[in-house]
Amino acid sequence: MSNSTSFTNFTTSLKTKQNVNRIFFSILMLTLMGTSAIAQDGYFQQGEFGFSLGASHYFGDLNTRSGLNRPKPAIGVFFRKQFGNYVGMRVSGHYAQVGYSDVYSKNEYQRVRNLSFNSNIFEFAVQGDFNFFKYVPDDMVYNFTPYVTLGLGVFSYDPYTFYNGEKYYLRNLYTEGPQNTYGTMAVCVPLGVGIKYSLNKKVNLSFEIAQRFTTTDYLDDVSTKYADASEFPLGPVDPNTNLPTYTPAFLLQDRSWEILGMDNRLSSVPGRQRGWSKQKDQYVIAEIGISFNLGSYKCPTAF
């Protein structure tokens, strides 16, 4: 073998070894960088479960100007699955109370209408949460973020009112006539904003306000027109007056008689508007939450 051939083989072998060394060095550096990232980020938040406490409020036919009167309690539980530092999916359940009365209105017609309601709400929803900033629990730089939330849910409701100290559920009284019935369930679309702060590696604190846009206009039992009086049969004859008595349905479908008298009540004019059916009812929940992280010791993704 000639010297030139040996030199060529030697050179080729040297280059091969140099390439192998470069590859080995690159792998080593990547490994060290990965180890460093794990050391820096350490605990990766995979999810969290928590509880919330706050207040709920209703907007609809009895609260047309978005007045804030007599907010009612709301409590919730939730589980959130994290898909990186910016996006999460939440499953939540809420119990809330809503209610309102025409006596709070500044509109003269509504005050004369004199209707009121309360309802218990049981809600189940699935929501997507989107952080504005990278969020890493117990990190001095990334331990806080505002976020937006959007989802889809279902809820049950059953409006009721009080008359002479007694509680009456309004759904089965057909206050707008048997042709205008409604069910026990409806769909809601929660849309809101919040802020989240990491107290430590395991615990988070949050505050959120989310509006619920619903598919029902009967959350308050008010939607269309007054029913004809003939649709509400009179009760048994009062032996003292020898006159028929009024049924709860007749008395509660139009309570303007308590102000105007029975002969001048609003429903005495056929077809008079009772509510505004072109806009669905809504409710909002403002709540403070505390949650507990579920995580592992690995490096989270950048997004």
C-alpha atoms as a PDB file:
ATOM      1  CA  MET A   1       0.000   0.000   0.000  1.00  0.00           C
ATOM      2  CA  SER A   2       1.436   3.401  -0.998  1.00  0.00           C
ATOM      3  CA  ASN A   3       2.102   6.188   1.434  1.00  0.00           C
ATOM      4  CA  SER A   4      -0.509   8.380  -0.290  1.00  0.00           C
ATOM      5  CA  THR A   5      -3.152   5.690   0.112  1.00  0.00           C
ATOM      6  CA  SER A   6      -2.293   5.243   3.795  1.00  0.00           C
ATOM      7  CA  PHE A   7      -2.455   8.981   4.352  1.00  0.00           C
ATOM      8  CA  THR A   8      -5.871   9.127   2.653  1.00  0.00           C
ATOM      9  CA  ASN A   9      -7.195   6.305   4.826  1.00  0.00           C
ATOM     10  CA  PHE A  10      -5.793   7.966   7.924  1.00  0.00           C
ATOM     11  CA  THR A  11      -7.393  11.280   7.008  1.00  0.00           C
ATOM     12  CA  THR A  12     -10.741   9.633   6.357  1.00  0.00           C
ATOM     13  CA  SER A  13     -10.561   7.773   9.668  1.00  0.00           C
ATOM     14  CA  LEU A  14      -9.663  10.983  11.495  1.00  0.00           C
ATOM     15  CA  LYS A  15     -12.599  12.857   9.959  1.00  0.00           C
ATOM     16  CA  THR A  16     -14.927  10.006  10.884  1.00  0.00           C
ATOM     17  CA  LYS A  17     -13.739  10.095  14.476  1.00  0.00           C
ATOM     18  CA  GLN A  18     -14.122  13.887  14.534  1.00  0.00           C
ATOM     19  CA  ASN A  19     -17.702  13.581  13.237  1.00  0.00           C
ATOM     20  CA  VAL A  20     -18.451  10.923  15.850  1.00  0.00           C
ATOM     21  CA  ASN A  21     -16.989  13.155  18.536  1.00  0.00           C
ATOM     22  CA  ARG A  22     -19.093  16.089  17.371  1.00  0.00           C
ATOM     23  CA  ILE A  23     -22.250  13.980  17.426  1.00  0.00           C
ATOM     24  CA  PHE A  24     -21.369  12.628  20.865  1.00  0.00           C
ATOM     25  CA  PHE A  25     -20.628  16.140  22.130  1.00  0.00           C
ATOM     26  CA  SER A  26     -23.949  17.435  20.721  1.00  0.00           C
ATOM     27  CA  ILE A  27     -25.896  14.622  22.385  1.00  0.00           C
ATOM     28  CA  LEU A  28     -24.078  15.305  25.646  1.00  0.00           C
ATOM     29  CA  MET A  29     -24.911  19.009  25.493  1.00  0.00           C
ATOM     30  CA  LEU A  30     -28.556  18.320  24.712  1.00  0.00           C
ATOM     31  CA  THR A  31     -28.714  15.905  27.618  1.00  0.00           C
ATOM     32  CA  LEU A  32     -27.163  18.455  29.937  1.00  0.00           C
ATOM     33  CA  MET A  33     -29.546  21.135  28.698  1.00  0.00           C
ATOM     34  CA  GLY A  34     -32.491  18.817  29.259  1.00  0.00           C
ATOM     35  CA  THR A  35     -31.243  18.026  32.752  1.00  0.00           C
ATOM     36  CA  SER A  36     -30.817  21.729  33.397  1.00  0.00           C
ATOM     37  CA  ALA A  37     -34.363  22.424  32.192  1.00  0.00           C
ATOM     38  CA  ILE A  38     -35.726  19.772  34.512  1.00  0.00           C
ATOM     39  CA  ALA A  39     -33.746  21.229  37.356  1.00  0.00           C
ATOM     40  CA  GLN A  40     -35.075  24.697  36.595  1.00  0.00           C
ATOM     41  CA  ASP A  41     -38.687  23.853  35.935  1.00  0.00           C
ATOM     42  CA  GLY A  42     -38.815  20.730  38.111  1.00  0.00           C
ATOM     43  CA  TYR A  43     -42.460  20.308  39.057  1.00  0.00           C
ATOM     44  CA  PHE A  44     -44.755  20.242  36.017  1.00  0.00           C
ATOM     45  CA  GLN A  45     -48.434  21.013  36.593  1.00  0.00           C
ATOM     46  CA  GLN A  46     -50.429  18.333  34.782  1.00  0.00           C
ATOM     47  CA  GLY A  47     -53.768  19.321  36.262  1.00  0.00           C
ATOM     48  CA  GLU A  48     -55.579  20.576  39.334  1.00  0.00           C
ATOM     49  CA  PHE A  49     -58.777  20.087  41.272  1.00  0.00           C
ATOM     50  CA  GLY A  50     -60.435  22.687  43.413  1.00  0.00           C
ATOM     51  CA  PHE A  51     -63.411  24.399  44.993  1.00  0.00           C
ATOM     52  CA  SER A  52     -64.946  27.833  44.550  1.00  0.00           C
ATOM     53  CA  LEU A  53     -67.214  30.144  46.494  1.00  0.00           C
ATOM     54  CA  GLY A  54     -68.863  33.287  45.208  1.00  0.00           C
ATOM     55  CA  ALA A  55     -72.040  35.053  44.165  1.00  0.00           C
ATOM     56  CA  SER A  56     -74.481  34.699  41.285  1.00  0.00           C
ATOM     57  CA  HIS A  57     -76.805  37.185  39.618  1.00  0.00           C
ATOM     58  CA  TYR A  58     -79.570  37.061  37.030  1.00  0.00           C
ATOM     59  CA  PHE A  59     -80.311  39.228  33.961  1.00  0.00           C
ATOM     60  CA  GLY A  60     -83.552  38.930  32.021  1.00  0.00           C
ATOM     61  CA  ASP A  61     -87.160  40.090  31.749  1.00  0.00           C
ATOM     62  CA  LEU A  62     -87.271  41.277  35.361  1.00  0.00           C
ATOM     63  CA  ASN A  63     -83.796  42.839  35.204  1.00  0.00           C
ATOM     64  CA  THR A  64     -83.638  44.496  31.804  1.00  0.00           C
ATOM     65  CA  ARG A  65     -81.090  47.145  32.780  1.00  0.00           C
ATOM     66  CA  SER A  66     -78.512  44.800  34.312  1.00  0.00           C
ATOM     67  CA  GLY A  67     -79.109  46.078  37.810  1.00  0.00           C
ATOM     68  CA  LEU A  68     -77.195  44.515  40.676  1.00  0.00           C
ATOM     69  CA  ASN A  69     -79.552  43.838  43.556  1.00  0.00           C
ATOM     70  CA  ARG A  70     -79.498  41.010  46.053  1.00  0.00           C
ATOM     71  CA  PRO A  71     -76.764  38.747  44.600  1.00  0.00           C
ATOM     72  CA  LYS A  72     -77.135  35.186  45.812  1.00  0.00           C
ATOM     73  CA  PRO A  73     -74.627  32.471  46.796  1.00  0.00           C
ATOM     74  CA  ALA A  74     -72.842  30.112  44.408  1.00  0.00           C
ATOM     75  CA  ILE A  75     -70.464  27.223  45.081  1.00  0.00           C
ATOM     76  CA  GLY A  76     -68.531  25.044  42.668  1.00  0.00           C
ATOM     77  CA  VAL A  77     -66.097  22.173  42.209  1.00  0.00           C
ATOM     78  CA  PHE A  78     -63.812  21.642  39.226  1.00  0.00           C
ATOM     79  CA  PHE A  79     -61.030  19.618  37.668  1.00  0.00           C
ATOM     80  CA  ARG A  80     -58.664  21.148  35.122  1.00  0.00           C
ATOM     81  CA  LYS A  81     -56.358  19.196  32.802  1.00  0.00           C
ATOM     82  CA  GLN A  82     -53.325  21.176  31.629  1.00  0.00           C
ATOM     83  CA  PHE A  83     -51.984  20.876  28.082  1.00  0.00           C
ATOM     84  CA  GLY A  84     -48.778  22.846  28.617  1.00  0.00           C
ATOM     85  CA  ASN A  85     -48.365  26.192  30.325  1.00  0.00           C
ATOM     86  CA  TYR A  86     -51.008  28.091  28.364  1.00  0.00           C
ATOM     87  CA  VAL A  87     -54.018  25.853  27.678  1.00  0.00           C
ATOM     88  CA  GLY A  88     -56.242  23.785  29.954  1.00  0.00           C
ATOM     89  CA  MET A  89     -59.598  22.026  29.819  1.00  0.00           C
ATOM     90  CA  ARG A  90     -61.916  22.237  32.792  1.00  0.00           C
ATOM     91  CA  VAL A  91     -64.871  20.141  33.936  1.00  0.00           C
ATOM     92  CA  SER A  92     -66.954  21.924  36.563  1.00  0.00           C
ATOM     93  CA  GLY A  93     -70.142  21.665  38.560  1.00  0.00           C
ATOM     94  CA  HIS A  94     -71.969  24.580  40.208  1.00  0.00           C
ATOM     95  CA  TYR A  95     -74.868  25.163  42.511  1.00  0.00           C
ATOM     96  CA  ALA A  96     -76.187  28.713  42.378  1.00  0.00           C
ATOM     97  CA  GLN A  97     -79.264  30.649  43.382  1.00  0.00           C
ATOM     98  CA  VAL A  98     -80.771  33.413  41.267  1.00  0.00           C
ATOM     99  CA  GLY A  99     -83.744  35.680  41.743  1.00  0.00           C
ATOM    100  CA  TYR A 100     -85.146  39.132  41.152  1.00  0.00           C
ATOM    101  CA  SER A 101     -88.222  41.299  41.620  1.00  0.00           C
ATOM    102  CA  ASP A 102     -89.942  44.092  39.733  1.00  0.00           C
ATOM    103  CA  VAL A 103     -89.800  46.219  42.890  1.00  0.00           C
ATOM    104  CA  TYR A 104     -86.095  46.868  42.137  1.00  0.00           C
ATOM    105  CA  SER A 105     -86.859  48.346  38.711  1.00  0.00           C
ATOM    106  CA  LYS A 106     -86.839  52.068  37.869  1.00  0.00           C
ATOM    107  CA  ASN A 107     -89.370  51.402  35.113  1.00  0.00           C
ATOM    108  CA  GLU A 108     -92.932  52.259  36.144  1.00  0.00           C
ATOM    109  CA  TYR A 109     -94.532  49.504  34.040  1.00  0.00           C
ATOM    110  CA  GLN A 110     -92.295  46.861  35.622  1.00  0.00           C
ATOM    111  CA  ARG A 111     -93.031  48.055  39.137  1.00  0.00           C
ATOM    112  CA  VAL A 112     -96.765  47.843  38.417  1.00  0.00           C
ATOM    113  CA  ARG A 113     -96.275  44.400  36.826  1.00  0.00           C
ATOM    114  CA  ASN A 114     -95.075  43.339  40.299  1.00  0.00           C
ATOM    115  CA  LEU A 115     -93.617  39.929  39.401  1.00  0.00           C
ATOM    116  CA  SER A 116     -90.811  38.151  41.260  1.00  0.00           C
ATOM    117  CA  PHE A 117     -89.031  34.804  41.223  1.00  0.00           C
ATOM    118  CA  ASN A 118     -86.238  32.688  42.701  1.00  0.00           C
ATOM    119  CA  SER A 119     -84.611  29.560  41.331  1.00  0.00           C
ATOM    120  CA  ASN A 120     -81.986  26.997  42.238  1.00  0.00           C
ATOM    121  CA  ILE A 121     -79.499  26.217  39.467  1.00  0.00           C
ATOM    122  CA  PHE A 122     -77.455  23.035  39.113  1.00  0.00           C
ATOM    123  CA  GLU A 123     -74.903  23.411  36.337  1.00  0.00           C
ATOM    124  CA  PHE A 124     -72.415  21.077  34.646  1.00  0.00           C
ATOM    125  CA  ALA A 125     -69.986  22.549  32.108  1.00  0.00           C
ATOM    126  CA  VAL A 126     -66.854  21.808  30.077  1.00  0.00           C
ATOM    127  CA  GLN A 127     -64.620  24.827  29.459  1.00  0.00           C
ATOM    128  CA  GLY A 128     -61.363  25.704  27.750  1.00  0.00           C
ATOM    129  CA  ASP A 129     -59.027  27.996  29.706  1.00  0.00           C
ATOM    130  CA  PHE A 130     -56.418  30.076  27.872  1.00  0.00           C
ATOM    131  CA  ASN A 131     -53.639  31.788  29.850  1.00  0.00           C
ATOM    132  CA  PHE A 132     -52.240  35.117  28.679  1.00  0.00           C
ATOM    133  CA  PHE A 133     -48.862  34.361  30.280  1.00  0.00           C
ATOM    134  CA  LYS A 134     -46.850  31.203  30.766  1.00  0.00           C
ATOM    135  CA  TYR A 135     -47.957  29.680  34.072  1.00  0.00           C
ATOM    136  CA  VAL A 136     -45.605  27.554  36.177  1.00  0.00           C
ATOM    137  CA  PRO A 137     -46.550  26.944  39.836  1.00  0.00           C
ATOM    138  CA  ASP A 138     -44.000  28.133  42.409  1.00  0.00           C
ATOM    139  CA  ASP A 139     -41.913  29.928  39.789  1.00  0.00           C
ATOM    140  CA  MET A 140     -40.987  33.499  40.748  1.00  0.00           C
ATOM    141  CA  VAL A 141     -41.388  34.671  37.141  1.00  0.00           C
ATOM    142  CA  TYR A 142     -44.346  32.604  35.900  1.00  0.00           C
ATOM    143  CA  ASN A 143     -46.530  32.248  39.015  1.00  0.00           C
ATOM    144  CA  PHE A 144     -49.300  34.611  37.852  1.00  0.00           C
ATOM    145  CA  THR A 145     -51.502  34.941  34.771  1.00  0.00           C
ATOM    146  CA  PRO A 146     -54.811  36.404  33.638  1.00  0.00           C
ATOM    147  CA  TYR A 147     -56.896  34.039  31.511  1.00  0.00           C
ATOM    148  CA  VAL A 148     -60.067  33.763  29.458  1.00  0.00           C
ATOM    149  CA  THR A 149     -62.504  30.873  29.571  1.00  0.00           C
ATOM    150  CA  LEU A 150     -65.138  29.624  27.134  1.00  0.00           C
ATOM    151  CA  GLY A 151     -67.274  26.528  27.345  1.00  0.00           C
ATOM    152  CA  LEU A 152     -70.570  24.712  27.009  1.00  0.00           C
ATOM    153  CA  GLY A 153     -72.821  23.470  29.774  1.00  0.00           C
ATOM    154  CA  VAL A 154     -76.264  22.314  30.831  1.00  0.00           C
ATOM    155  CA  PHE A 155     -78.218  23.397  33.882  1.00  0.00           C
ATOM    156  CA  SER A 156     -81.491  22.709  35.639  1.00  0.00           C
ATOM    157  CA  TYR A 157     -83.803  25.398  36.981  1.00  0.00           C
ATOM    158  CA  ASP A 158     -87.241  25.603  38.581  1.00  0.00           C
ATOM    159  CA  PRO A 159     -88.542  29.143  39.243  1.00  0.00           C
ATOM    160  CA  TYR A 160     -90.744  29.754  42.256  1.00  0.00           C
ATOM    161  CA  THR A 161     -92.262  32.674  44.131  1.00  0.00           C
ATOM    162  CA  PHE A 162     -93.941  33.419  47.446  1.00  0.00           C
ATOM    163  CA  TYR A 163     -97.502  34.533  48.085  1.00  0.00           C
ATOM    164  CA  ASN A 164     -99.000  35.009  51.540  1.00  0.00           C
ATOM    165  CA  GLY A 165     -95.977  33.278  53.033  1.00  0.00           C
ATOM    166  CA  GLU A 166     -96.356  30.163  50.884  1.00  0.00           C
ATOM    167  CA  LYS A 167     -93.929  28.945  48.238  1.00  0.00           C
ATOM    168  CA  TYR A 168     -95.301  28.213  44.754  1.00  0.00           C
ATOM    169  CA  TYR A 169     -93.383  26.621  41.898  1.00  0.00           C
ATOM    170  CA  LEU A 170     -94.366  28.452  38.726  1.00  0.00           C
ATOM    171  CA  ARG A 171     -93.622  25.926  35.979  1.00  0.00           C
ATOM    172  CA  ASN A 172     -96.700  23.812  36.615  1.00  0.00           C
ATOM    173  CA  LEU A 173     -98.992  26.832  36.996  1.00  0.00           C
ATOM    174  CA  TYR A 174     -98.651  27.652  33.251  1.00  0.00           C
ATOM    175  CA  THR A 175     -98.594  31.371  33.993  1.00  0.00           C
ATOM    176  CA  GLU A 176     -98.456  32.277  30.286  1.00  0.00           C
ATOM    177  CA  GLY A 177    -100.939  29.619  29.258  1.00  0.00           C
ATOM    178  CA  PRO A 178    -100.511  25.886  28.557  1.00  0.00           C
ATOM    179  CA  GLN A 179     -99.240  26.677  25.055  1.00  0.00           C
ATOM    180  CA  ASN A 180     -96.134  28.341  26.508  1.00  0.00           C
ATOM    181  CA  THR A 181     -94.550  25.551  28.520  1.00  0.00           C
ATOM    182  CA  TYR A 182     -90.872  25.019  29.244  1.00  0.00           C
ATOM    183  CA  GLY A 183     -88.685  22.213  30.478  1.00  0.00           C
ATOM    184  CA  THR A 184     -86.456  21.682  33.477  1.00  0.00           C
ATOM    185  CA  MET A 185     -83.128  21.867  31.610  1.00  0.00           C
ATOM    186  CA  ALA A 186     -81.382  24.335  29.322  1.00  0.00           C
ATOM    187  CA  VAL A 187     -77.988  24.884  27.702  1.00  0.00           C
ATOM    188  CA  CYS A 188     -75.571  27.602  28.759  1.00  0.00           C
ATOM    189  CA  VAL A 189     -72.395  29.042  27.257  1.00  0.00           C
ATOM    190  CA  PRO A 190     -70.000  30.279  29.974  1.00  0.00           C
ATOM    191  CA  LEU A 191     -67.726  33.117  28.819  1.00  0.00           C
ATOM    192  CA  GLY A 192     -65.479  34.890  31.282  1.00  0.00           C
ATOM    193  CA  VAL A 193     -62.153  36.200  32.471  1.00  0.00           C
ATOM    194  CA  GLY A 194     -60.065  35.450  35.525  1.00  0.00           C
ATOM    195  CA  ILE A 195     -56.693  35.686  37.206  1.00  0.00           C
ATOM    196  CA  LYS A 196     -54.685  32.858  38.738  1.00  0.00           C
ATOM    197  CA  TYR A 197     -51.824  33.004  41.222  1.00  0.00           C
ATOM    198  CA  SER A 198     -49.571  30.251  42.545  1.00  0.00           C
ATOM    199  CA  LEU A 199     -49.336  30.317  46.346  1.00  0.00           C
ATOM    200  CA  ASN A 200     -46.770  27.525  46.267  1.00  0.00           C
ATOM    201  CA  LYS A 201     -45.906  24.392  44.306  1.00  0.00           C
ATOM    202  CA  LYS A 202     -49.157  22.682  45.285  1.00  0.00           C
ATOM    203  CA  VAL A 203     -51.797  25.396  45.774  1.00  0.00           C
ATOM    204  CA  ASN A 204     -53.312  28.037  43.459  1.00  0.00           C
ATOM    205  CA  LEU A 205     -55.679  30.922  44.150  1.00  0.00           C
ATOM    206  CA  SER A 206     -58.005  32.315  41.461  1.00  0.00           C
ATOM    207  CA  PHE A 207     -60.746  34.854  40.885  1.00  0.00           C
ATOM    208  CA  GLU A 208     -63.157  34.532  37.956  1.00  0.00           C
ATOM    209  CA  ILE A 209     -66.227  36.256  36.530  1.00  0.00           C
ATOM    210  CA  ALA A 210     -68.125  34.324  33.861  1.00  0.00           C
ATOM    211  CA  GLN A 211     -71.385  35.201  32.133  1.00  0.00           C
ATOM    212  CA  ARG A 212     -73.735  32.365  31.234  1.00  0.00           C
ATOM    213  CA  PHE A 213     -75.635  32.884  27.982  1.00  0.00           C
ATOM    214  CA  THR A 214     -78.577  30.488  28.026  1.00  0.00           C
ATOM    215  CA  THR A 215     -81.044  28.954  25.582  1.00  0.00           C
ATOM    216  CA  THR A 216     -84.106  29.661  27.742  1.00  0.00           C
ATOM    217  CA  ASP A 217     -86.227  32.747  28.333  1.00  0.00           C
ATOM    218  CA  TYR A 218     -88.064  31.126  31.222  1.00  0.00           C
ATOM    219  CA  LEU A 219     -85.402  31.197  33.900  1.00  0.00           C
ATOM    220  CA  ASP A 220     -87.648  33.830  35.528  1.00  0.00           C
ATOM    221  CA  ASP A 221     -90.965  32.295  34.296  1.00  0.00           C
ATOM    222  CA  VAL A 222     -91.528  35.428  32.163  1.00  0.00           C
ATOM    223  CA  SER A 223     -91.260  35.558  28.370  1.00  0.00           C
ATOM    224  CA  THR A 224     -94.246  36.418  26.169  1.00  0.00           C
ATOM    225  CA  LYS A 225     -97.771  37.814  26.716  1.00  0.00           C
ATOM    226  CA  TYR A 226    -100.358  37.560  29.444  1.00  0.00           C
ATOM    227  CA  ALA A 227    -102.621  34.567  29.022  1.00  0.00           C
ATOM    228  CA  ASP A 228    -106.364  35.028  28.744  1.00  0.00           C
ATOM    229  CA  ALA A 229    -108.131  34.905  32.092  1.00  0.00           C
ATOM    230  CA  SER A 230    -110.340  32.074  30.805  1.00  0.00           C
ATOM    231  CA  GLU A 231    -107.282  29.808  30.811  1.00  0.00           C
ATOM    232  CA  PHE A 232    -107.175  29.965  34.621  1.00  0.00           C
ATOM    233  CA  PRO A 233    -110.273  28.285  36.093  1.00  0.00           C
ATOM    234  CA  LEU A 234    -111.672  29.755  39.257  1.00  0.00           C
ATOM    235  CA  GLY A 235    -111.470  27.873  42.529  1.00  0.00           C
ATOM    236  CA  PRO A 236    -114.275  26.573  44.734  1.00  0.00           C
ATOM    237  CA  VAL A 237    -117.006  28.893  45.986  1.00  0.00           C
ATOM    238  CA  ASP A 238    -116.269  30.685  49.240  1.00  0.00           C
ATOM    239  CA  PRO A 239    -119.148  29.832  51.629  1.00  0.00           C
ATOM    240  CA  ASN A 240    -118.833  33.195  53.370  1.00  0.00           C
ATOM    241  CA  THR A 241    -119.166  35.329  50.208  1.00  0.00           C
ATOM    242  CA  ASN A 242    -120.850  32.806  47.927  1.00  0.00           C
ATOM    243  CA  LEU A 243    -118.282  33.830  45.278  1.00  0.00           C
ATOM    244  CA  PRO A 244    -115.742  31.664  43.505  1.00  0.00           C
ATOM    245  CA  THR A 245    -112.177  31.871  44.749  1.00  0.00           C
ATOM    246  CA  TYR A 246    -109.107  32.499  42.660  1.00  0.00           C
ATOM    247  CA  THR A 247    -106.583  29.747  42.026  1.00  0.00           C
ATOM    248  CA  PRO A 248    -102.857  30.339  42.683  1.00  0.00           C
ATOM    249  CA  ALA A 249    -102.246  30.257  38.920  1.00  0.00           C
ATOM    250  CA  PHE A 250    -104.708  33.110  38.370  1.00  0.00           C
ATOM    251  CA  LEU A 251    -103.279  35.200  41.198  1.00  0.00           C
ATOM    252  CA  LEU A 252     -99.602  34.671  40.315  1.00  0.00           C
ATOM    253  CA  GLN A 253     -99.665  35.011  36.535  1.00  0.00           C
ATOM    254  CA  ASP A 254    -100.546  38.706  36.901  1.00  0.00           C
ATOM    255  CA  ARG A 255     -99.742  40.294  40.242  1.00  0.00           C
ATOM    256  CA  SER A 256    -100.480  43.837  39.123  1.00  0.00           C
ATOM    257  CA  TRP A 257    -103.870  43.390  40.812  1.00  0.00           C
ATOM    258  CA  GLU A 258    -102.068  43.837  44.141  1.00  0.00           C
ATOM    259  CA  ILE A 259    -101.356  47.444  43.068  1.00  0.00           C
ATOM    260  CA  LEU A 260    -104.086  48.308  40.554  1.00  0.00           C
ATOM    261  CA  GLY A 261    -106.941  46.179  41.869  1.00  0.00           C
ATOM    262  CA  MET A 262    -108.539  43.130  40.302  1.00  0.00           C
ATOM    263  CA  ASP A 263    -110.579  45.078  37.743  1.00  0.00           C
ATOM    264  CA  ASN A 264    -107.630  47.092  36.424  1.00  0.00           C
ATOM    265  CA  ARG A 265    -104.917  44.458  36.312  1.00  0.00           C
ATOM    266  CA  LEU A 266    -102.568  44.505  33.278  1.00  0.00           C
ATOM    267  CA  SER A 267    -103.853  41.232  31.869  1.00  0.00           C
ATOM    268  CA  SER A 268    -107.343  42.701  31.518  1.00  0.00           C
ATOM    269  CA  VAL A 269    -106.132  44.098  28.171  1.00  0.00           C
ATOM    270  CA  PRO A 270    -105.944  41.121  25.732  1.00  0.00           C
ATOM    271  CA  GLY A 271    -102.487  40.455  24.272  1.00  0.00           C
ATOM    272  CA  ARG A 272    -100.608  42.811  26.575  1.00  0.00           C
ATOM    273  CA  GLN A 273     -96.894  42.122  26.822  1.00  0.00           C
ATOM    274  CA  ARG A 274     -95.698  40.272  29.920  1.00  0.00           C
ATOM    275  CA  GLY A 275     -92.047  39.787  28.925  1.00  0.00           C
ATOM    276  CA  TRP A 276     -89.600  40.105  26.014  1.00  0.00           C
ATOM    277  CA  SER A 277     -89.181  36.763  24.266  1.00  0.00           C
ATOM    278  CA  LYS A 278     -86.574  37.925  21.722  1.00  0.00           C
ATOM    279  CA  GLN A 279     -83.792  37.944  24.305  1.00  0.00           C
ATOM    280  CA  LYS A 280     -82.816  34.905  26.369  1.00  0.00           C
ATOM    281  CA  ASP A 281     -82.151  35.060  30.094  1.00  0.00           C
ATOM    282  CA  GLN A 282     -78.612  35.071  31.467  1.00  0.00           C
ATOM    283  CA  TYR A 283     -76.800  34.677  34.754  1.00  0.00           C
ATOM    284  CA  VAL A 284     -73.295  35.439  35.948  1.00  0.00           C
ATOM    285  CA  ILE A 285     -71.109  33.818  38.607  1.00  0.00           C
ATOM    286  CA  ALA A 286     -68.238  35.658  40.292  1.00  0.00           C
ATOM    287  CA  GLU A 287     -66.132  33.344  42.436  1.00  0.00           C
ATOM    288  CA  ILE A 288     -62.911  32.859  44.328  1.00  0.00           C
ATOM    289  CA  GLY A 289     -61.315  29.437  43.872  1.00  0.00           C
ATOM    290  CA  ILE A 290     -58.603  27.440  45.550  1.00  0.00           C
ATOM    291  CA  SER A 291     -57.066  24.485  43.742  1.00  0.00           C
ATOM    292  CA  PHE A 292     -54.495  21.779  44.382  1.00  0.00           C
ATOM    293  CA  ASN A 293     -52.021  20.757  41.714  1.00  0.00           C
ATOM    294  CA  LEU A 294     -51.540  17.309  40.275  1.00  0.00           C
ATOM    295  CA  GLY A 295     -48.086  17.095  38.714  1.00  0.00           C
ATOM    296  CA  SER A 296     -44.879  15.258  38.033  1.00  0.00           C
ATOM    297  CA  TYR A 297     -41.176  16.062  37.919  1.00  0.00           C
ATOM    298  CA  LYS A 298     -40.526  16.591  34.255  1.00  0.00           C
ATOM    299  CA  CYS A 299     -39.843  19.467  31.932  1.00  0.00           C
ATOM    300  CA  PRO A 300     -43.015  21.060  30.519  1.00  0.00           C
ATOM    301  CA  THR A 301     -43.316  21.969  26.873  1.00  0.00           C
ATOM    302  CA  ALA A 302     -42.811  25.537  25.770  1.00  0.00           C
ATOM    303  CA  PHE A 303     -46.405  25.849  24.724  1.00  0.00           C
END
